[in-house]
């Protein structure tokens, strides 16, 4: 019995260390600006009205509730996004996460973001070099010129010329296309979560632990 209780307690203690994944699917672009042909630089590309921003990021622990512009960069263990033209992946040599701030509701679900990815077109990441830029749930750019650096490898200000293109799309705050694998508990009611969700397992373990403790107490009283 003691070994069983210890295993259940360990499972509960580890719950806080489980990762959480947050997935985004944005609206299709509603405002587009194409580059002017012929292409003035080596690579040009346009967005179109069938494209949208998609992707996900994983954190080392679930996001806390009731946050406003919380910097989550230290919590992110993986990200993979696409704006229809450019892929932004954490292991990409030329990809940088410039900003990662979120606001959450009382359940810890994302209601607003300031997440920006940059992808440099060349191995050098300096002033005058070109890059793609994706602001989640706002805008995507391709082939912008960097005019100043915020820090090494991260561009601060940009220039747009005839070789650059962009697309805009935005959900209103509070309905911005985010979902997560973190269960939402309805106040005063039961929760329904996937069976492979670690939080569901933790809740199950909690229930089993309570039953085990109750059984142990009954045995003690009998003896």
C-alpha atoms as a PDB file:
ATOM      1  CA  UNK A   1       0.000   0.000   0.000  1.00  0.00           C
ATOM      2  CA  UNK A   2       2.804   2.452   0.901  1.00  0.00           C
ATOM      3  CA  UNK A   3       4.553   1.826  -2.420  1.00  0.00           C
ATOM      4  CA  UNK A   4       1.286   2.386  -4.288  1.00  0.00           C
ATOM      5  CA  UNK A   5       0.649   5.663  -2.489  1.00  0.00           C
ATOM      6  CA  UNK A   6       4.205   6.816  -3.160  1.00  0.00           C
ATOM      7  CA  UNK A   7       3.853   6.181  -6.881  1.00  0.00           C
ATOM      8  CA  UNK A   8       0.588   8.093  -7.036  1.00  0.00           C
ATOM      9  CA  UNK A   9       2.033  10.998  -5.070  1.00  0.00           C
ATOM     10  CA  UNK A  10       5.030  11.142  -7.414  1.00  0.00           C
ATOM     11  CA  UNK A  11       2.714  11.280 -10.417  1.00  0.00           C
ATOM     12  CA  UNK A  12       0.845  14.191  -8.899  1.00  0.00           C
ATOM     13  CA  UNK A  13       4.022  16.082  -8.075  1.00  0.00           C
ATOM     14  CA  UNK A  14       5.249  15.721 -11.658  1.00  0.00           C
ATOM     15  CA  UNK A  15       2.056  17.161 -13.110  1.00  0.00           C
ATOM     16  CA  UNK A  16       3.378  20.715 -12.996  1.00  0.00           C
ATOM     17  CA  UNK A  17       6.349  19.740 -15.130  1.00  0.00           C
ATOM     18  CA  UNK A  18       4.298  18.470 -18.072  1.00  0.00           C
ATOM     19  CA  UNK A  19       4.559  20.431 -21.290  1.00  0.00           C
ATOM     20  CA  UNK A  20       1.652  22.230 -22.927  1.00  0.00           C
ATOM     21  CA  UNK A  21       1.107  22.904 -26.625  1.00  0.00           C
ATOM     22  CA  UNK A  22      -0.748  25.938 -28.008  1.00  0.00           C
ATOM     23  CA  UNK A  23      -1.949  25.881 -31.619  1.00  0.00           C
ATOM     24  CA  UNK A  24      -2.916  28.801 -33.843  1.00  0.00           C
ATOM     25  CA  UNK A  25      -4.972  28.929 -37.029  1.00  0.00           C
ATOM     26  CA  UNK A  26      -5.505  32.464 -38.279  1.00  0.00           C
ATOM     27  CA  UNK A  27      -7.991  33.917 -40.733  1.00  0.00           C
ATOM     28  CA  UNK A  28      -7.095  34.111 -44.421  1.00  0.00           C
ATOM     29  CA  UNK A  29      -5.430  37.317 -45.547  1.00  0.00           C
ATOM     30  CA  UNK A  30      -7.806  40.144 -46.307  1.00  0.00           C
ATOM     31  CA  UNK A  31      -5.333  42.893 -47.230  1.00  0.00           C
ATOM     32  CA  UNK A  32      -2.523  42.103 -49.661  1.00  0.00           C
ATOM     33  CA  UNK A  33       0.384  43.980 -51.202  1.00  0.00           C
ATOM     34  CA  UNK A  34       2.322  42.249 -54.013  1.00  0.00           C
ATOM     35  CA  UNK A  35       5.871  42.993 -55.060  1.00  0.00           C
ATOM     36  CA  UNK A  36       6.334  44.878 -58.306  1.00  0.00           C
ATOM     37  CA  UNK A  37       7.541  42.695 -61.177  1.00  0.00           C
ATOM     38  CA  UNK A  38      10.147  42.110 -62.350  1.00  0.00           C
ATOM     39  CA  UNK A  39      11.707  41.091 -59.034  1.00  0.00           C
ATOM     40  CA  UNK A  40      14.380  43.609 -58.045  1.00  0.00           C
ATOM     41  CA  UNK A  41      16.318  41.117 -55.911  1.00  0.00           C
ATOM     42  CA  UNK A  42      17.115  37.428 -56.074  1.00  0.00           C
ATOM     43  CA  UNK A  43      13.952  36.132 -54.328  1.00  0.00           C
ATOM     44  CA  UNK A  44      10.430  37.567 -54.407  1.00  0.00           C
ATOM     45  CA  UNK A  45       7.096  35.979 -53.465  1.00  0.00           C
ATOM     46  CA  UNK A  46       3.516  37.068 -52.923  1.00  0.00           C
ATOM     47  CA  UNK A  47       0.824  36.153 -50.411  1.00  0.00           C
ATOM     48  CA  UNK A  48      -2.715  35.408 -51.567  1.00  0.00           C
ATOM     49  CA  UNK A  49      -6.243  35.407 -50.156  1.00  0.00           C
ATOM     50  CA  UNK A  50      -6.241  31.617 -49.662  1.00  0.00           C
ATOM     51  CA  UNK A  51      -3.247  31.729 -47.312  1.00  0.00           C
ATOM     52  CA  UNK A  52      -3.282  32.041 -43.532  1.00  0.00           C
ATOM     53  CA  UNK A  53      -0.931  31.917 -40.562  1.00  0.00           C
ATOM     54  CA  UNK A  54      -0.744  28.554 -38.802  1.00  0.00           C
ATOM     55  CA  UNK A  55       1.495  26.928 -36.239  1.00  0.00           C
ATOM     56  CA  UNK A  56       2.082  25.919 -32.657  1.00  0.00           C
ATOM     57  CA  UNK A  57       4.463  26.344 -29.778  1.00  0.00           C
ATOM     58  CA  UNK A  58       5.172  24.139 -26.772  1.00  0.00           C
ATOM     59  CA  UNK A  59       5.987  25.386 -23.282  1.00  0.00           C
ATOM     60  CA  UNK A  60       7.684  23.580 -20.434  1.00  0.00           C
ATOM     61  CA  UNK A  61       4.552  24.138 -18.329  1.00  0.00           C
ATOM     62  CA  UNK A  62       1.005  25.431 -18.895  1.00  0.00           C
ATOM     63  CA  UNK A  63       0.603  29.178 -19.142  1.00  0.00           C
ATOM     64  CA  UNK A  64      -0.644  30.810 -15.918  1.00  0.00           C
ATOM     65  CA  UNK A  65      -4.117  32.385 -15.866  1.00  0.00           C
ATOM     66  CA  UNK A  66      -5.037  36.067 -15.876  1.00  0.00           C
ATOM     67  CA  UNK A  67      -1.817  37.314 -17.430  1.00  0.00           C
ATOM     68  CA  UNK A  68      -1.310  40.492 -19.433  1.00  0.00           C
ATOM     69  CA  UNK A  69       1.581  40.661 -21.923  1.00  0.00           C
ATOM     70  CA  UNK A  70       3.493  37.913 -20.147  1.00  0.00           C
ATOM     71  CA  UNK A  71       6.917  37.219 -21.681  1.00  0.00           C
ATOM     72  CA  UNK A  72       6.836  33.480 -22.381  1.00  0.00           C
ATOM     73  CA  UNK A  73      10.089  33.201 -24.333  1.00  0.00           C
ATOM     74  CA  UNK A  74      11.864  31.451 -21.411  1.00  0.00           C
ATOM     75  CA  UNK A  75       9.073  28.837 -21.304  1.00  0.00           C
ATOM     76  CA  UNK A  76       9.042  27.948 -25.013  1.00  0.00           C
ATOM     77  CA  UNK A  77      10.754  24.660 -25.813  1.00  0.00           C
ATOM     78  CA  UNK A  78       9.618  24.371 -29.440  1.00  0.00           C
ATOM     79  CA  UNK A  79       7.814  26.349 -32.123  1.00  0.00           C
ATOM     80  CA  UNK A  80       6.838  25.752 -35.740  1.00  0.00           C
ATOM     81  CA  UNK A  81       4.842  28.353 -37.698  1.00  0.00           C
ATOM     82  CA  UNK A  82       4.066  29.088 -41.337  1.00  0.00           C
ATOM     83  CA  UNK A  83       2.602  32.198 -42.967  1.00  0.00           C
ATOM     84  CA  UNK A  84       1.859  30.598 -46.330  1.00  0.00           C
ATOM     85  CA  UNK A  85       5.192  31.634 -47.838  1.00  0.00           C
ATOM     86  CA  UNK A  86       7.806  31.211 -45.086  1.00  0.00           C
ATOM     87  CA  UNK A  87       8.306  28.553 -42.417  1.00  0.00           C
ATOM     88  CA  UNK A  88       9.547  29.595 -38.994  1.00  0.00           C
ATOM     89  CA  UNK A  89      10.932  26.609 -37.106  1.00  0.00           C
ATOM     90  CA  UNK A  90      12.929  26.665 -33.893  1.00  0.00           C
ATOM     91  CA  UNK A  91      15.795  24.623 -35.329  1.00  0.00           C
ATOM     92  CA  UNK A  92      16.056  26.812 -38.445  1.00  0.00           C
ATOM     93  CA  UNK A  93      19.495  28.425 -38.667  1.00  0.00           C
ATOM     94  CA  UNK A  94      18.095  31.713 -39.946  1.00  0.00           C
ATOM     95  CA  UNK A  95      14.910  31.838 -37.819  1.00  0.00           C
ATOM     96  CA  UNK A  96      14.660  34.065 -34.762  1.00  0.00           C
ATOM     97  CA  UNK A  97      11.931  34.528 -32.170  1.00  0.00           C
ATOM     98  CA  UNK A  98      11.941  38.303 -31.753  1.00  0.00           C
ATOM     99  CA  UNK A  99       9.044  38.687 -29.303  1.00  0.00           C
ATOM    100  CA  UNK A 100       6.828  36.245 -27.401  1.00  0.00           C
ATOM    101  CA  UNK A 101       4.225  37.819 -25.120  1.00  0.00           C
ATOM    102  CA  UNK A 102       0.717  36.562 -24.403  1.00  0.00           C
ATOM    103  CA  UNK A 103      -2.352  37.485 -22.396  1.00  0.00           C
ATOM    104  CA  UNK A 104      -4.474  34.733 -20.850  1.00  0.00           C
ATOM    105  CA  UNK A 105      -7.946  34.391 -19.355  1.00  0.00           C
ATOM    106  CA  UNK A 106      -8.971  32.880 -16.017  1.00  0.00           C
ATOM    107  CA  UNK A 107      -8.533  29.367 -17.472  1.00  0.00           C
ATOM    108  CA  UNK A 108      -5.020  30.054 -18.756  1.00  0.00           C
ATOM    109  CA  UNK A 109      -6.159  30.104 -22.396  1.00  0.00           C
ATOM    110  CA  UNK A 110      -4.599  32.617 -24.803  1.00  0.00           C
ATOM    111  CA  UNK A 111      -6.761  35.637 -25.626  1.00  0.00           C
ATOM    112  CA  UNK A 112      -4.155  37.983 -27.138  1.00  0.00           C
ATOM    113  CA  UNK A 113      -0.572  37.788 -28.363  1.00  0.00           C
ATOM    114  CA  UNK A 114       2.477  39.740 -29.386  1.00  0.00           C
ATOM    115  CA  UNK A 115       4.539  37.001 -31.029  1.00  0.00           C
ATOM    116  CA  UNK A 116       6.978  37.892 -33.794  1.00  0.00           C
ATOM    117  CA  UNK A 117       9.198  35.610 -35.878  1.00  0.00           C
ATOM    118  CA  UNK A 118      11.944  36.665 -38.280  1.00  0.00           C
ATOM    119  CA  UNK A 119      13.608  34.621 -41.006  1.00  0.00           C
ATOM    120  CA  UNK A 120      16.781  35.959 -42.595  1.00  0.00           C
ATOM    121  CA  UNK A 121      17.258  35.162 -46.263  1.00  0.00           C
ATOM    122  CA  UNK A 122      21.040  35.020 -45.912  1.00  0.00           C
ATOM    123  CA  UNK A 123      23.545  33.712 -43.393  1.00  0.00           C
ATOM    124  CA  UNK A 124      24.494  37.264 -42.445  1.00  0.00           C
ATOM    125  CA  UNK A 125      21.939  38.950 -40.220  1.00  0.00           C
ATOM    126  CA  UNK A 126      22.770  42.612 -40.375  1.00  0.00           C
ATOM    127  CA  UNK A 127      21.625  46.021 -41.529  1.00  0.00           C
ATOM    128  CA  UNK A 128      20.846  45.935 -45.244  1.00  0.00           C
ATOM    129  CA  UNK A 129      20.094  42.230 -45.278  1.00  0.00           C
ATOM    130  CA  UNK A 130      16.638  40.957 -46.209  1.00  0.00           C
ATOM    131  CA  UNK A 131      14.271  38.892 -44.133  1.00  0.00           C
ATOM    132  CA  UNK A 132      10.724  37.660 -43.719  1.00  0.00           C
ATOM    133  CA  UNK A 133       8.685  38.815 -40.741  1.00  0.00           C
ATOM    134  CA  UNK A 134       5.594  37.254 -39.186  1.00  0.00           C
ATOM    135  CA  UNK A 135       3.545  38.907 -36.460  1.00  0.00           C
ATOM    136  CA  UNK A 136       1.081  36.255 -35.296  1.00  0.00           C
ATOM    137  CA  UNK A 137      -2.548  37.253 -35.751  1.00  0.00           C
ATOM    138  CA  UNK A 138      -1.594  40.477 -37.474  1.00  0.00           C
ATOM    139  CA  UNK A 139       0.647  40.538 -40.545  1.00  0.00           C
ATOM    140  CA  UNK A 140       3.182  38.628 -42.620  1.00  0.00           C
ATOM    141  CA  UNK A 141       5.935  40.156 -44.748  1.00  0.00           C
ATOM    142  CA  UNK A 142       8.349  38.699 -47.272  1.00  0.00           C
ATOM    143  CA  UNK A 143      11.675  40.161 -48.406  1.00  0.00           C
ATOM    144  CA  UNK A 144      11.842  43.220 -46.164  1.00  0.00           C
ATOM    145  CA  UNK A 145      15.093  45.128 -45.716  1.00  0.00           C
ATOM    146  CA  UNK A 146      16.497  45.453 -42.201  1.00  0.00           C
ATOM    147  CA  UNK A 147      17.396  49.085 -41.459  1.00  0.00           C
ATOM    148  CA  UNK A 148      18.499  48.699 -37.808  1.00  0.00           C
ATOM    149  CA  UNK A 149      19.152  45.937 -35.292  1.00  0.00           C
ATOM    150  CA  UNK A 150      17.546  45.539 -31.874  1.00  0.00           C
ATOM    151  CA  UNK A 151      20.129  42.932 -30.901  1.00  0.00           C
ATOM    152  CA  UNK A 152      22.449  40.629 -32.816  1.00  0.00           C
ATOM    153  CA  UNK A 153      20.355  38.616 -35.290  1.00  0.00           C
ATOM    154  CA  UNK A 154      17.095  40.447 -34.460  1.00  0.00           C
ATOM    155  CA  UNK A 155      15.944  43.301 -36.677  1.00  0.00           C
ATOM    156  CA  UNK A 156      14.326  46.365 -35.103  1.00  0.00           C
ATOM    157  CA  UNK A 157      13.200  48.530 -38.047  1.00  0.00           C
ATOM    158  CA  UNK A 158      12.448  47.652 -41.647  1.00  0.00           C
ATOM    159  CA  UNK A 159      12.250  49.085 -45.112  1.00  0.00           C
ATOM    160  CA  UNK A 160       9.753  47.993 -47.751  1.00  0.00           C
ATOM    161  CA  UNK A 161      10.509  48.490 -51.420  1.00  0.00           C
ATOM    162  CA  UNK A 162       9.104  47.185 -54.710  1.00  0.00           C
ATOM    163  CA  UNK A 163      10.579  43.717 -54.012  1.00  0.00           C
ATOM    164  CA  UNK A 164       8.730  43.304 -50.698  1.00  0.00           C
ATOM    165  CA  UNK A 165       5.232  41.894 -50.221  1.00  0.00           C
ATOM    166  CA  UNK A 166       2.848  41.490 -47.299  1.00  0.00           C
ATOM    167  CA  UNK A 167      -0.524  40.218 -46.148  1.00  0.00           C
ATOM    168  CA  UNK A 168      -2.720  41.269 -43.208  1.00  0.00           C
ATOM    169  CA  UNK A 169      -5.219  39.177 -41.218  1.00  0.00           C
ATOM    170  CA  UNK A 170      -6.481  39.631 -37.689  1.00  0.00           C
ATOM    171  CA  UNK A 171      -8.921  38.031 -35.243  1.00  0.00           C
ATOM    172  CA  UNK A 172     -10.444  40.296 -32.628  1.00  0.00           C
ATOM    173  CA  UNK A 173      -9.004  40.033 -29.129  1.00  0.00           C
ATOM    174  CA  UNK A 174     -10.620  37.227 -27.175  1.00  0.00           C
ATOM    175  CA  UNK A 175     -11.388  35.132 -30.257  1.00  0.00           C
ATOM    176  CA  UNK A 176      -7.993  34.910 -31.832  1.00  0.00           C
ATOM    177  CA  UNK A 177      -7.775  31.351 -33.124  1.00  0.00           C
ATOM    178  CA  UNK A 178      -5.787  29.749 -30.303  1.00  0.00           C
ATOM    179  CA  UNK A 179      -6.429  26.285 -28.902  1.00  0.00           C
ATOM    180  CA  UNK A 180      -4.416  24.195 -26.472  1.00  0.00           C
ATOM    181  CA  UNK A 181      -4.128  20.679 -25.073  1.00  0.00           C
ATOM    182  CA  UNK A 182      -4.574  22.047 -21.559  1.00  0.00           C
ATOM    183  CA  UNK A 183      -7.960  21.002 -20.118  1.00  0.00           C
ATOM    184  CA  UNK A 184     -10.457  23.679 -19.144  1.00  0.00           C
ATOM    185  CA  UNK A 185     -12.246  23.048 -15.857  1.00  0.00           C
ATOM    186  CA  UNK A 186     -15.783  24.408 -15.675  1.00  0.00           C
ATOM    187  CA  UNK A 187     -16.429  26.018 -12.267  1.00  0.00           C
ATOM    188  CA  UNK A 188     -18.516  23.706 -10.116  1.00  0.00           C
ATOM    189  CA  UNK A 189     -18.735  20.985 -12.732  1.00  0.00           C
ATOM    190  CA  UNK A 190     -16.865  17.963 -14.024  1.00  0.00           C
ATOM    191  CA  UNK A 191     -14.218  18.281 -16.699  1.00  0.00           C
ATOM    192  CA  UNK A 192     -13.874  16.338 -19.888  1.00  0.00           C
ATOM    193  CA  UNK A 193     -10.340  15.852 -21.154  1.00  0.00           C
ATOM    194  CA  UNK A 194      -8.616  13.469 -23.605  1.00  0.00           C
ATOM    195  CA  UNK A 195      -7.484  10.227 -22.011  1.00  0.00           C
ATOM    196  CA  UNK A 196      -3.922  10.814 -23.158  1.00  0.00           C
ATOM    197  CA  UNK A 197      -3.786  14.261 -21.568  1.00  0.00           C
ATOM    198  CA  UNK A 198      -1.368  14.384 -18.612  1.00  0.00           C
ATOM    199  CA  UNK A 199      -3.760  16.515 -16.610  1.00  0.00           C
ATOM    200  CA  UNK A 200      -6.479  13.902 -17.036  1.00  0.00           C
ATOM    201  CA  UNK A 201      -4.034  11.312 -15.771  1.00  0.00           C
ATOM    202  CA  UNK A 202      -3.189  13.519 -12.817  1.00  0.00           C
ATOM    203  CA  UNK A 203      -6.862  13.937 -11.940  1.00  0.00           C
ATOM    204  CA  UNK A 204      -7.338  10.191 -12.225  1.00  0.00           C
ATOM    205  CA  UNK A 205      -4.320   9.662  -9.998  1.00  0.00           C
ATOM    206  CA  UNK A 206      -5.764  12.125  -7.508  1.00  0.00           C
ATOM    207  CA  UNK A 207      -9.005  10.172  -7.398  1.00  0.00           C
ATOM    208  CA  UNK A 208      -7.180   6.885  -6.966  1.00  0.00           C
ATOM    209  CA  UNK A 209      -5.018   8.386  -4.272  1.00  0.00           C
ATOM    210  CA  UNK A 210      -8.127   9.474  -2.365  1.00  0.00           C
ATOM    211  CA  UNK A 211      -9.614   6.015  -2.646  1.00  0.00           C
ATOM    212  CA  UNK A 212      -6.362   4.436  -1.527  1.00  0.00           C
ATOM    213  CA  UNK A 213      -6.123   6.712   1.497  1.00  0.00           C
ATOM    214  CA  UNK A 214      -9.729   5.945   2.394  1.00  0.00           C
ATOM    215  CA  UNK A 215      -9.066   2.223   2.113  1.00  0.00           C
ATOM    216  CA  UNK A 216      -5.943   2.562   4.238  1.00  0.00           C
ATOM    217  CA  UNK A 217      -7.865   4.393   6.953  1.00  0.00           C
ATOM    218  CA  UNK A 218     -10.481   1.625   7.022  1.00  0.00           C
ATOM    219  CA  UNK A 219      -7.745  -0.979   7.412  1.00  0.00           C
ATOM    220  CA  UNK A 220      -6.179   0.966  10.280  1.00  0.00           C
ATOM    221  CA  UNK A 221      -9.506   1.229  12.083  1.00  0.00           C
ATOM    222  CA  UNK A 222     -10.073  -2.513  11.703  1.00  0.00           C
ATOM    223  CA  UNK A 223      -6.698  -3.281  13.237  1.00  0.00           C
END
